[in-house]
Amino acid sequence: MSVSRNAGLCRSRRRAGGGAGFTLIEMMIVVAIMGIIMTMGVPVMYKLWHKAPMVKAVRDTQEVLQNARARAILQGRQTEVVFHPLTRSFAVEGGSAPAAARPRRAETDDLGAVEAAPAPPARSGLSGQWDPSIAVEMLDVNLTEYKEAEAAHVRFYPNGTCDELTIVLHSDQNEWYKITLEVTTGLSTVGPVDQ
């Protein structure tokens, strides 16, 4: 009697233990669902890691303009942002940086040739580069067009004022944005261009 009782307990334990695990088919279904969800998330992650060129161009331009204004006010000295529309680059010049971060000034060598001061490092908020897919449709400083010029200088003053600036950028995705500086406050505004 005790033998049959033990055999019955073993059979009931096997049945109870067999239902607690996952079968290979169930695990494959879960892995397939996870793969589908991850595949759907790839475009979103790509956009997060690789910002659209127009968004980056506008953000970088605004950041450089804001940093130039802040430098002029905090240091009590005129600061300039120099735009190079032909090379699609721009950078803050003037004012003084802390001694550790101060770039070397332009110097002359033994023959009297002038060495250019190095540009601020990338991603410092002091310089920027527009993507080749971005076209500069307008670059006006104090109502003068500089779109085809070698350089355009925008000055920021210690009292918070600045030169007039209007930039119109156009992307190959047909995005149009205008960046302007308010002369009396030196603050930038951005908006889409109505066509």
N, C-alpha and C. Protein backbone atom coordinates (compact mmCIF):
# COMPACT_ATOMS: atom_id res chain seq x y z
N MET A 1 0.81 -1.18 0.00
CA MET A 1 0.00 0.00 0.00
C MET A 1 0.86 1.26 0.00
N SER A 2 1.92 1.21 0.75
CA SER A 2 2.79 2.39 0.82
C SER A 2 3.53 2.60 -0.50
N VAL A 3 3.84 1.54 -1.25
CA VAL A 3 4.52 1.68 -2.52
C VAL A 3 3.62 2.38 -3.53
N SER A 4 2.37 1.98 -3.59
CA SER A 4 1.47 2.61 -4.55
C SER A 4 1.19 4.06 -4.18
N ARG A 5 1.19 4.34 -2.89
CA ARG A 5 0.99 5.72 -2.44
C ARG A 5 2.17 6.59 -2.89
N ASN A 6 3.41 6.10 -2.76
CA ASN A 6 4.61 6.85 -3.17
C ASN A 6 4.64 7.05 -4.69
N ALA A 7 4.23 6.06 -5.45
CA ALA A 7 4.21 6.18 -6.90
C ALA A 7 3.20 7.23 -7.33
N GLY A 8 2.08 7.29 -6.65
CA GLY A 8 1.07 8.31 -6.96
C GLY A 8 1.57 9.72 -6.66
N LEU A 9 2.32 9.87 -5.59
CA LEU A 9 2.88 11.18 -5.24
C LEU A 9 3.91 11.63 -6.26
N CYS A 10 4.73 10.69 -6.74
CA CYS A 10 5.76 11.02 -7.74
C CYS A 10 5.11 11.47 -9.04
N ARG A 11 4.03 10.78 -9.46
CA ARG A 11 3.37 11.17 -10.68
C ARG A 11 2.74 12.55 -10.55
N SER A 12 2.14 12.87 -9.44
CA SER A 12 1.51 14.18 -9.26
C SER A 12 2.57 15.28 -9.17
N ARG A 13 3.72 14.97 -8.59
CA ARG A 13 4.79 15.96 -8.53
C ARG A 13 5.35 16.25 -9.93
N ARG A 14 5.50 15.23 -10.77
CA ARG A 14 6.02 15.42 -12.12
C ARG A 14 5.07 16.30 -12.93
N ARG A 15 3.78 16.04 -12.80
CA ARG A 15 2.81 16.85 -13.52
C ARG A 15 2.85 18.31 -13.04
N ALA A 16 2.93 18.53 -11.78
CA ALA A 16 2.96 19.89 -11.23
C ALA A 16 4.27 20.59 -11.64
N GLY A 17 5.39 19.88 -11.59
CA GLY A 17 6.68 20.48 -11.96
C GLY A 17 6.79 20.70 -13.44
N GLY A 18 6.18 19.90 -14.27
CA GLY A 18 6.26 20.04 -15.72
C GLY A 18 5.51 21.26 -16.22
N GLY A 19 4.49 21.71 -15.56
CA GLY A 19 3.72 22.87 -15.99
C GLY A 19 4.35 24.19 -15.56
N ALA A 20 5.35 24.19 -14.68
CA ALA A 20 5.92 25.43 -14.16
C ALA A 20 6.94 26.05 -15.11
N GLY A 21 7.55 25.30 -16.02
CA GLY A 21 8.58 25.83 -16.91
C GLY A 21 7.98 26.34 -18.22
N PHE A 22 8.85 26.91 -19.09
CA PHE A 22 8.44 27.39 -20.40
C PHE A 22 8.87 26.37 -21.45
N THR A 23 8.05 26.23 -22.45
CA THR A 23 8.44 25.34 -23.55
C THR A 23 9.30 26.13 -24.53
N LEU A 24 9.97 25.44 -25.39
CA LEU A 24 10.84 26.08 -26.37
C LEU A 24 10.02 26.98 -27.30
N ILE A 25 8.83 26.58 -27.65
CA ILE A 25 7.97 27.38 -28.54
C ILE A 25 7.59 28.69 -27.86
N GLU A 26 7.24 28.63 -26.58
CA GLU A 26 6.88 29.86 -25.86
C GLU A 26 8.06 30.83 -25.80
N MET A 27 9.22 30.30 -25.55
CA MET A 27 10.41 31.17 -25.48
C MET A 27 10.72 31.77 -26.85
N MET A 28 10.55 31.02 -27.93
CA MET A 28 10.79 31.55 -29.27
C MET A 28 9.79 32.64 -29.62
N ILE A 29 8.56 32.51 -29.18
CA ILE A 29 7.54 33.54 -29.43
C ILE A 29 7.91 34.83 -28.69
N VAL A 30 8.36 34.72 -27.46
CA VAL A 30 8.77 35.91 -26.68
C VAL A 30 9.95 36.60 -27.35
N VAL A 31 10.94 35.84 -27.79
CA VAL A 31 12.11 36.41 -28.47
C VAL A 31 11.68 37.10 -29.77
N ALA A 32 10.77 36.50 -30.52
CA ALA A 32 10.29 37.11 -31.76
C ALA A 32 9.56 38.42 -31.49
N ILE A 33 8.74 38.46 -30.45
CA ILE A 33 8.03 39.70 -30.10
C ILE A 33 9.02 40.78 -29.69
N MET A 34 10.04 40.41 -28.91
CA MET A 34 11.06 41.39 -28.51
C MET A 34 11.81 41.92 -29.73
N GLY A 35 12.10 41.05 -30.69
CA GLY A 35 12.77 41.47 -31.92
C GLY A 35 11.94 42.45 -32.72
N ILE A 36 10.65 42.22 -32.81
CA ILE A 36 9.75 43.12 -33.54
C ILE A 36 9.71 44.49 -32.86
N ILE A 37 9.60 44.51 -31.55
CA ILE A 37 9.55 45.77 -30.80
C ILE A 37 10.86 46.55 -30.97
N MET A 38 11.99 45.85 -30.90
CA MET A 38 13.28 46.52 -31.06
C MET A 38 13.44 47.07 -32.47
N THR A 39 12.96 46.33 -33.47
CA THR A 39 13.04 46.79 -34.86
C THR A 39 12.20 48.05 -35.06
N MET A 40 11.05 48.13 -34.41
CA MET A 40 10.22 49.32 -34.53
C MET A 40 10.88 50.53 -33.87
N GLY A 41 11.74 50.31 -32.89
CA GLY A 41 12.39 51.41 -32.18
C GLY A 41 13.64 51.94 -32.86
N VAL A 42 14.17 51.24 -33.86
CA VAL A 42 15.41 51.67 -34.52
C VAL A 42 15.29 53.06 -35.14
N PRO A 43 14.24 53.40 -35.90
CA PRO A 43 14.16 54.76 -36.46
C PRO A 43 14.14 55.85 -35.39
N VAL A 44 13.46 55.60 -34.30
CA VAL A 44 13.41 56.59 -33.21
C VAL A 44 14.79 56.77 -32.60
N MET A 45 15.48 55.69 -32.34
CA MET A 45 16.83 55.78 -31.77
C MET A 45 17.78 56.45 -32.75
N TYR A 46 17.64 56.17 -34.03
CA TYR A 46 18.50 56.79 -35.04
C TYR A 46 18.32 58.31 -35.02
N LYS A 47 17.07 58.76 -34.94
CA LYS A 47 16.80 60.20 -34.91
C LYS A 47 17.35 60.84 -33.64
N LEU A 48 17.31 60.11 -32.53
CA LEU A 48 17.87 60.67 -31.30
C LEU A 48 19.38 60.82 -31.39
N TRP A 49 20.06 59.86 -31.98
CA TRP A 49 21.52 59.90 -32.06
C TRP A 49 22.00 60.80 -33.18
N HIS A 50 21.28 60.86 -34.29
CA HIS A 50 21.68 61.67 -35.44
C HIS A 50 20.64 62.75 -35.65
N LYS A 51 20.86 63.88 -35.03
CA LYS A 51 19.91 64.99 -35.14
C LYS A 51 19.82 65.46 -36.59
N ALA A 52 18.66 65.90 -36.96
CA ALA A 52 18.45 66.42 -38.31
C ALA A 52 19.40 67.61 -38.53
N PRO A 53 19.97 67.72 -39.73
CA PRO A 53 20.94 68.81 -39.98
C PRO A 53 20.37 70.20 -39.72
N MET A 54 19.11 70.46 -40.06
CA MET A 54 18.56 71.79 -39.84
C MET A 54 18.42 72.09 -38.35
N VAL A 55 17.95 71.13 -37.58
CA VAL A 55 17.81 71.32 -36.14
C VAL A 55 19.17 71.61 -35.52
N LYS A 56 20.18 70.86 -35.92
CA LYS A 56 21.53 71.06 -35.41
C LYS A 56 22.08 72.42 -35.82
N ALA A 57 21.86 72.82 -37.06
CA ALA A 57 22.36 74.11 -37.56
C ALA A 57 21.75 75.26 -36.77
N VAL A 58 20.45 75.23 -36.56
CA VAL A 58 19.77 76.30 -35.83
C VAL A 58 20.22 76.31 -34.38
N ARG A 59 20.28 75.14 -33.76
CA ARG A 59 20.69 75.06 -32.35
C ARG A 59 22.12 75.55 -32.15
N ASP A 60 23.04 75.12 -33.02
CA ASP A 60 24.44 75.54 -32.90
C ASP A 60 24.59 77.04 -33.12
N THR A 61 23.88 77.59 -34.09
CA THR A 61 23.95 79.02 -34.36
C THR A 61 23.45 79.82 -33.16
N GLN A 62 22.32 79.43 -32.62
CA GLN A 62 21.78 80.12 -31.45
C GLN A 62 22.73 80.03 -30.26
N GLU A 63 23.32 78.87 -30.06
CA GLU A 63 24.23 78.68 -28.92
C GLU A 63 25.46 79.59 -29.04
N VAL A 64 26.03 79.69 -30.22
CA VAL A 64 27.20 80.55 -30.42
C VAL A 64 26.82 82.02 -30.20
N LEU A 65 25.66 82.43 -30.72
CA LEU A 65 25.22 83.81 -30.53
C LEU A 65 24.98 84.11 -29.05
N GLN A 66 24.36 83.20 -28.33
CA GLN A 66 24.11 83.40 -26.90
C GLN A 66 25.42 83.47 -26.11
N ASN A 67 26.38 82.61 -26.45
CA ASN A 67 27.66 82.63 -25.74
C ASN A 67 28.44 83.91 -26.02
N ALA A 68 28.37 84.42 -27.24
CA ALA A 68 29.05 85.67 -27.55
C ALA A 68 28.43 86.82 -26.76
N ARG A 69 27.11 86.87 -26.69
CA ARG A 69 26.43 87.92 -25.91
C ARG A 69 26.82 87.82 -24.44
N ALA A 70 26.81 86.61 -23.90
CA ALA A 70 27.16 86.43 -22.49
C ALA A 70 28.60 86.86 -22.21
N ARG A 71 29.51 86.51 -23.09
CA ARG A 71 30.92 86.91 -22.92
C ARG A 71 31.07 88.43 -22.91
N ALA A 72 30.39 89.09 -23.84
CA ALA A 72 30.49 90.55 -23.92
C ALA A 72 29.99 91.20 -22.63
N ILE A 73 28.87 90.72 -22.12
CA ILE A 73 28.29 91.31 -20.91
C ILE A 73 29.15 90.98 -19.69
N LEU A 74 29.51 89.71 -19.51
CA LEU A 74 30.24 89.30 -18.30
C LEU A 74 31.66 89.84 -18.25
N GLN A 75 32.31 89.98 -19.40
CA GLN A 75 33.69 90.45 -19.43
C GLN A 75 33.80 91.95 -19.67
N GLY A 76 32.68 92.58 -19.99
CA GLY A 76 32.70 94.02 -20.22
C GLY A 76 33.50 94.43 -21.44
N ARG A 77 33.58 93.56 -22.44
CA ARG A 77 34.35 93.84 -23.66
C ARG A 77 33.54 93.44 -24.88
N GLN A 78 33.78 94.15 -25.97
CA GLN A 78 33.12 93.80 -27.23
C GLN A 78 33.55 92.41 -27.68
N THR A 79 32.58 91.63 -28.13
CA THR A 79 32.84 90.29 -28.64
C THR A 79 32.21 90.18 -30.02
N GLU A 80 32.81 89.39 -30.88
CA GLU A 80 32.28 89.21 -32.24
C GLU A 80 32.02 87.75 -32.53
N VAL A 81 31.01 87.53 -33.36
CA VAL A 81 30.82 86.23 -33.99
C VAL A 81 31.15 86.45 -35.45
N VAL A 82 32.09 85.66 -35.97
CA VAL A 82 32.50 85.79 -37.36
C VAL A 82 31.91 84.61 -38.14
N PHE A 83 31.10 84.94 -39.13
CA PHE A 83 30.49 83.93 -40.00
C PHE A 83 31.31 83.85 -41.29
N HIS A 84 31.58 82.63 -41.72
CA HIS A 84 32.25 82.38 -43.00
C HIS A 84 31.27 81.61 -43.88
N PRO A 85 30.41 82.32 -44.62
CA PRO A 85 29.34 81.64 -45.36
C PRO A 85 29.84 80.69 -46.44
N LEU A 86 31.00 80.95 -47.01
CA LEU A 86 31.49 80.08 -48.08
C LEU A 86 31.96 78.73 -47.53
N THR A 87 32.49 78.72 -46.32
CA THR A 87 32.92 77.46 -45.70
C THR A 87 31.89 76.92 -44.71
N ARG A 88 30.78 77.67 -44.55
CA ARG A 88 29.68 77.28 -43.66
C ARG A 88 30.12 77.17 -42.21
N SER A 89 31.02 78.00 -41.76
CA SER A 89 31.49 77.94 -40.38
C SER A 89 31.29 79.28 -39.69
N PHE A 90 31.31 79.27 -38.36
CA PHE A 90 31.15 80.49 -37.57
C PHE A 90 31.78 80.25 -36.20
N ALA A 91 32.28 81.33 -35.59
CA ALA A 91 32.96 81.20 -34.30
C ALA A 91 32.95 82.52 -33.55
N VAL A 92 33.06 82.44 -32.24
CA VAL A 92 33.18 83.61 -31.37
C VAL A 92 34.63 84.06 -31.38
N GLU A 93 34.82 85.36 -31.53
CA GLU A 93 36.16 85.95 -31.43
C GLU A 93 36.07 87.14 -30.51
N GLY A 94 37.16 87.45 -29.81
CA GLY A 94 37.19 88.60 -28.91
C GLY A 94 36.81 88.19 -27.51
N GLY A 95 36.90 89.15 -26.60
CA GLY A 95 36.70 88.83 -25.20
C GLY A 95 37.87 87.98 -24.74
N SER A 96 37.93 87.67 -23.50
CA SER A 96 39.03 86.85 -23.02
C SER A 96 38.48 85.64 -22.31
N ALA A 97 39.07 84.50 -22.59
CA ALA A 97 38.68 83.26 -21.94
C ALA A 97 39.53 83.08 -20.69
N PRO A 98 39.14 82.20 -19.77
CA PRO A 98 40.00 81.92 -18.64
C PRO A 98 41.37 81.46 -19.12
N ALA A 99 42.39 81.68 -18.33
CA ALA A 99 43.77 81.42 -18.76
C ALA A 99 43.96 80.00 -19.28
N ALA A 100 43.35 79.01 -18.64
CA ALA A 100 43.54 77.62 -19.08
C ALA A 100 42.91 77.36 -20.43
N ALA A 101 41.79 78.05 -20.73
CA ALA A 101 41.08 77.79 -21.98
C ALA A 101 41.37 78.83 -23.04
N ARG A 102 42.23 79.81 -22.73
CA ARG A 102 42.49 80.90 -23.66
C ARG A 102 43.26 80.40 -24.88
N PRO A 103 42.73 80.62 -26.09
CA PRO A 103 43.47 80.21 -27.28
C PRO A 103 44.64 81.16 -27.51
N ARG A 104 45.63 80.65 -28.19
CA ARG A 104 46.82 81.43 -28.49
C ARG A 104 46.44 82.54 -29.45
N ARG A 105 46.89 83.76 -29.16
CA ARG A 105 46.63 84.91 -30.03
C ARG A 105 47.46 84.78 -31.29
N ALA A 106 47.06 85.51 -32.32
CA ALA A 106 47.83 85.52 -33.56
C ALA A 106 49.21 86.10 -33.28
N GLU A 107 50.23 85.43 -33.73
CA GLU A 107 51.60 85.86 -33.49
C GLU A 107 52.37 85.88 -34.80
N THR A 108 53.51 86.56 -34.79
CA THR A 108 54.35 86.56 -35.98
C THR A 108 55.51 85.62 -35.77
N ASP A 109 55.94 84.96 -36.84
CA ASP A 109 57.09 84.08 -36.75
C ASP A 109 58.37 84.87 -37.05
N ASP A 110 59.50 84.20 -37.20
CA ASP A 110 60.79 84.86 -37.41
C ASP A 110 60.82 85.69 -38.68
N LEU A 111 60.04 85.33 -39.69
CA LEU A 111 60.05 86.05 -40.95
C LEU A 111 58.99 87.14 -41.01
N GLY A 112 58.22 87.31 -39.93
CA GLY A 112 57.21 88.35 -39.89
C GLY A 112 55.84 87.92 -40.38
N ALA A 113 55.70 86.65 -40.76
CA ALA A 113 54.40 86.15 -41.22
C ALA A 113 53.47 85.97 -40.01
N VAL A 114 52.21 86.27 -40.20
CA VAL A 114 51.25 86.17 -39.11
C VAL A 114 50.67 84.76 -39.07
N GLU A 115 50.72 84.16 -37.88
CA GLU A 115 50.10 82.85 -37.67
C GLU A 115 48.71 83.09 -37.14
N ALA A 116 47.74 82.42 -37.72
CA ALA A 116 46.35 82.59 -37.29
C ALA A 116 46.14 81.93 -35.93
N ALA A 117 45.32 82.56 -35.11
CA ALA A 117 44.95 81.95 -33.83
C ALA A 117 44.07 80.75 -34.12
N PRO A 118 44.20 79.67 -33.34
CA PRO A 118 43.39 78.49 -33.60
C PRO A 118 41.91 78.76 -33.32
N ALA A 119 41.07 78.07 -34.06
CA ALA A 119 39.63 78.19 -33.86
C ALA A 119 39.23 77.52 -32.55
N PRO A 120 38.14 77.98 -31.94
CA PRO A 120 37.67 77.31 -30.73
C PRO A 120 37.37 75.85 -31.02
N PRO A 121 37.53 74.99 -30.02
CA PRO A 121 37.27 73.57 -30.26
C PRO A 121 35.81 73.30 -30.60
N ALA A 122 35.60 72.25 -31.38
CA ALA A 122 34.23 71.87 -31.76
C ALA A 122 33.44 71.50 -30.51
N ARG A 123 32.14 71.75 -30.56
CA ARG A 123 31.21 71.44 -29.47
C ARG A 123 31.52 72.21 -28.19
N SER A 124 32.19 73.34 -28.31
CA SER A 124 32.49 74.15 -27.14
C SER A 124 31.42 75.21 -26.92
N GLY A 125 30.52 75.36 -27.88
CA GLY A 125 29.54 76.42 -27.82
C GLY A 125 30.10 77.74 -28.32
N LEU A 126 31.35 77.72 -28.79
CA LEU A 126 32.01 78.92 -29.28
C LEU A 126 32.24 78.86 -30.79
N SER A 127 31.92 77.75 -31.40
CA SER A 127 32.08 77.64 -32.85
C SER A 127 31.07 76.63 -33.38
N GLY A 128 30.87 76.68 -34.68
CA GLY A 128 29.93 75.75 -35.30
C GLY A 128 30.20 75.59 -36.77
N GLN A 129 29.58 74.56 -37.34
CA GLN A 129 29.74 74.25 -38.76
C GLN A 129 28.38 73.79 -39.26
N TRP A 130 27.90 74.44 -40.32
CA TRP A 130 26.65 74.01 -40.93
C TRP A 130 26.90 72.83 -41.84
N ASP A 131 25.98 71.89 -41.85
CA ASP A 131 26.05 70.70 -42.69
C ASP A 131 26.01 71.11 -44.17
N PRO A 132 26.67 70.35 -45.05
CA PRO A 132 26.62 70.66 -46.48
C PRO A 132 25.21 70.64 -47.08
N SER A 133 24.27 69.98 -46.41
CA SER A 133 22.89 69.96 -46.91
C SER A 133 22.13 71.24 -46.57
N ILE A 134 22.76 72.16 -45.83
CA ILE A 134 22.14 73.42 -45.45
C ILE A 134 22.69 74.53 -46.33
N ALA A 135 21.80 75.27 -46.99
CA ALA A 135 22.20 76.40 -47.82
C ALA A 135 21.94 77.70 -47.07
N VAL A 136 22.86 78.64 -47.16
CA VAL A 136 22.68 79.96 -46.56
C VAL A 136 22.01 80.83 -47.62
N GLU A 137 20.73 81.08 -47.45
CA GLU A 137 19.97 81.87 -48.42
C GLU A 137 20.10 83.36 -48.17
N MET A 138 20.38 83.73 -46.91
CA MET A 138 20.51 85.13 -46.57
C MET A 138 21.39 85.26 -45.34
N LEU A 139 22.32 86.19 -45.38
CA LEU A 139 23.16 86.51 -44.23
C LEU A 139 23.37 88.03 -44.25
N ASP A 140 22.49 88.74 -43.55
CA ASP A 140 22.52 90.20 -43.50
C ASP A 140 23.02 90.66 -42.14
N VAL A 141 24.01 91.55 -42.16
CA VAL A 141 24.49 92.20 -40.94
C VAL A 141 24.34 93.69 -41.16
N ASN A 142 23.57 94.33 -40.29
CA ASN A 142 23.29 95.77 -40.40
C ASN A 142 22.79 96.13 -41.80
N LEU A 143 21.85 95.31 -42.28
CA LEU A 143 21.17 95.50 -43.56
C LEU A 143 22.10 95.42 -44.78
N THR A 144 23.25 94.77 -44.63
CA THR A 144 24.16 94.53 -45.74
C THR A 144 24.29 93.03 -45.95
N GLU A 145 24.15 92.59 -47.20
CA GLU A 145 24.20 91.17 -47.53
C GLU A 145 25.63 90.65 -47.54
N TYR A 146 25.88 89.53 -46.83
CA TYR A 146 27.20 88.91 -46.76
C TYR A 146 27.16 87.44 -47.19
N LYS A 147 26.13 87.04 -47.89
CA LYS A 147 25.97 85.63 -48.28
C LYS A 147 27.14 85.11 -49.12
N GLU A 148 27.69 85.94 -49.97
CA GLU A 148 28.80 85.55 -50.84
C GLU A 148 30.14 86.10 -50.35
N ALA A 149 30.18 86.72 -49.19
CA ALA A 149 31.41 87.33 -48.68
C ALA A 149 32.30 86.29 -48.01
N GLU A 150 33.56 86.64 -47.85
CA GLU A 150 34.52 85.78 -47.15
C GLU A 150 34.16 85.66 -45.68
N ALA A 151 33.78 86.80 -45.06
CA ALA A 151 33.46 86.79 -43.64
C ALA A 151 32.45 87.89 -43.33
N ALA A 152 31.64 87.66 -42.32
CA ALA A 152 30.70 88.65 -41.81
C ALA A 152 30.86 88.73 -40.30
N HIS A 153 31.06 89.92 -39.76
CA HIS A 153 31.30 90.13 -38.34
C HIS A 153 30.05 90.69 -37.67
N VAL A 154 29.61 90.04 -36.61
CA VAL A 154 28.48 90.51 -35.81
C VAL A 154 29.02 90.84 -34.43
N ARG A 155 28.89 92.11 -34.03
CA ARG A 155 29.47 92.56 -32.76
C ARG A 155 28.43 92.55 -31.65
N PHE A 156 28.86 92.11 -30.47
CA PHE A 156 28.06 92.16 -29.24
C PHE A 156 28.78 93.11 -28.28
N TYR A 157 28.00 93.98 -27.64
CA TYR A 157 28.57 95.02 -26.78
C TYR A 157 28.31 94.71 -25.31
N PRO A 158 29.13 95.28 -24.41
CA PRO A 158 28.97 95.00 -22.97
C PRO A 158 27.62 95.41 -22.39
N ASN A 159 26.93 96.36 -23.02
CA ASN A 159 25.62 96.79 -22.51
C ASN A 159 24.48 95.87 -22.96
N GLY A 160 24.80 94.79 -23.68
CA GLY A 160 23.79 93.81 -24.10
C GLY A 160 23.24 94.04 -25.49
N THR A 161 23.64 95.11 -26.15
CA THR A 161 23.17 95.36 -27.51
C THR A 161 24.07 94.64 -28.51
N CYS A 162 23.65 94.65 -29.78
CA CYS A 162 24.44 93.97 -30.81
C CYS A 162 24.12 94.56 -32.17
N ASP A 163 24.84 94.10 -33.17
CA ASP A 163 24.54 94.46 -34.55
C ASP A 163 23.27 93.73 -34.98
N GLU A 164 22.62 94.27 -36.01
CA GLU A 164 21.46 93.62 -36.58
C GLU A 164 21.93 92.40 -37.37
N LEU A 165 21.23 91.28 -37.24
CA LEU A 165 21.60 90.05 -37.95
C LEU A 165 20.34 89.33 -38.39
N THR A 166 20.34 88.90 -39.64
CA THR A 166 19.28 88.04 -40.16
C THR A 166 19.94 86.94 -40.98
N ILE A 167 19.65 85.70 -40.60
CA ILE A 167 20.16 84.53 -41.33
C ILE A 167 18.96 83.70 -41.77
N VAL A 168 18.93 83.32 -43.03
CA VAL A 168 17.90 82.41 -43.53
C VAL A 168 18.62 81.17 -44.03
N LEU A 169 18.25 80.02 -43.43
CA LEU A 169 18.84 78.73 -43.80
C LEU A 169 17.79 77.89 -44.50
N HIS A 170 18.25 77.13 -45.50
CA HIS A 170 17.36 76.27 -46.29
C HIS A 170 18.01 74.89 -46.39
N SER A 171 17.25 73.86 -46.04
CA SER A 171 17.80 72.49 -46.10
C SER A 171 17.36 71.79 -47.37
N ASP A 172 18.02 70.69 -47.68
CA ASP A 172 17.62 69.90 -48.84
C ASP A 172 16.30 69.16 -48.61
N GLN A 173 15.78 69.21 -47.38
CA GLN A 173 14.47 68.65 -47.05
C GLN A 173 13.37 69.71 -47.19
N ASN A 174 13.72 70.86 -47.80
CA ASN A 174 12.82 72.00 -48.01
C ASN A 174 12.36 72.62 -46.69
N GLU A 175 13.23 72.64 -45.70
CA GLU A 175 12.97 73.34 -44.44
C GLU A 175 13.60 74.72 -44.54
N TRP A 176 12.88 75.74 -44.13
CA TRP A 176 13.36 77.11 -44.15
C TRP A 176 13.26 77.67 -42.74
N TYR A 177 14.36 78.21 -42.22
CA TYR A 177 14.35 78.84 -40.90
C TYR A 177 15.08 80.17 -40.95
N LYS A 178 14.56 81.12 -40.16
CA LYS A 178 15.17 82.44 -40.07
C LYS A 178 15.61 82.68 -38.63
N ILE A 179 16.86 83.12 -38.47
CA ILE A 179 17.42 83.47 -37.17
C ILE A 179 17.69 84.96 -37.19
N THR A 180 17.16 85.67 -36.22
CA THR A 180 17.38 87.12 -36.15
C THR A 180 17.88 87.49 -34.76
N LEU A 181 18.60 88.61 -34.71
CA LEU A 181 19.03 89.18 -33.43
C LEU A 181 18.27 90.47 -33.18
N GLU A 182 17.75 90.61 -31.99
CA GLU A 182 17.10 91.85 -31.56
C GLU A 182 18.21 92.81 -31.16
N VAL A 183 18.31 93.95 -31.83
CA VAL A 183 19.43 94.88 -31.68
C VAL A 183 19.56 95.42 -30.26
N THR A 184 18.46 95.74 -29.61
CA THR A 184 18.52 96.39 -28.30
C THR A 184 18.78 95.43 -27.15
N THR A 185 18.49 94.14 -27.34
CA THR A 185 18.72 93.17 -26.26
C THR A 185 19.79 92.15 -26.61
N GLY A 186 20.11 91.97 -27.89
CA GLY A 186 21.09 90.98 -28.30
C GLY A 186 20.57 89.56 -28.26
N LEU A 187 19.27 89.38 -28.08
CA LEU A 187 18.69 88.04 -28.00
C LEU A 187 18.27 87.56 -29.39
N SER A 188 18.43 86.26 -29.60
CA SER A 188 18.10 85.69 -30.91
C SER A 188 16.69 85.09 -30.89
N THR A 189 16.06 85.14 -32.06
CA THR A 189 14.76 84.50 -32.25
C THR A 189 14.85 83.63 -33.50
N VAL A 190 14.11 82.54 -33.45
CA VAL A 190 14.12 81.59 -34.57
C VAL A 190 12.69 81.30 -34.96
N GLY A 191 12.47 81.18 -36.25
CA GLY A 191 11.14 80.82 -36.71
C GLY A 191 11.20 80.30 -38.12
N PRO A 192 10.19 79.53 -38.51
CA PRO A 192 10.14 79.06 -39.90
C PRO A 192 9.84 80.22 -40.82
N VAL A 193 10.31 80.14 -42.04
CA VAL A 193 10.07 81.18 -43.04
C VAL A 193 8.80 80.83 -43.79
N ASP A 194 7.88 81.77 -43.83
CA ASP A 194 6.63 81.56 -44.59
C ASP A 194 6.93 81.73 -46.07
N GLN A 195 6.43 80.79 -46.86
CA GLN A 195 6.67 80.84 -48.30
C GLN A 195 5.40 81.06 -49.06
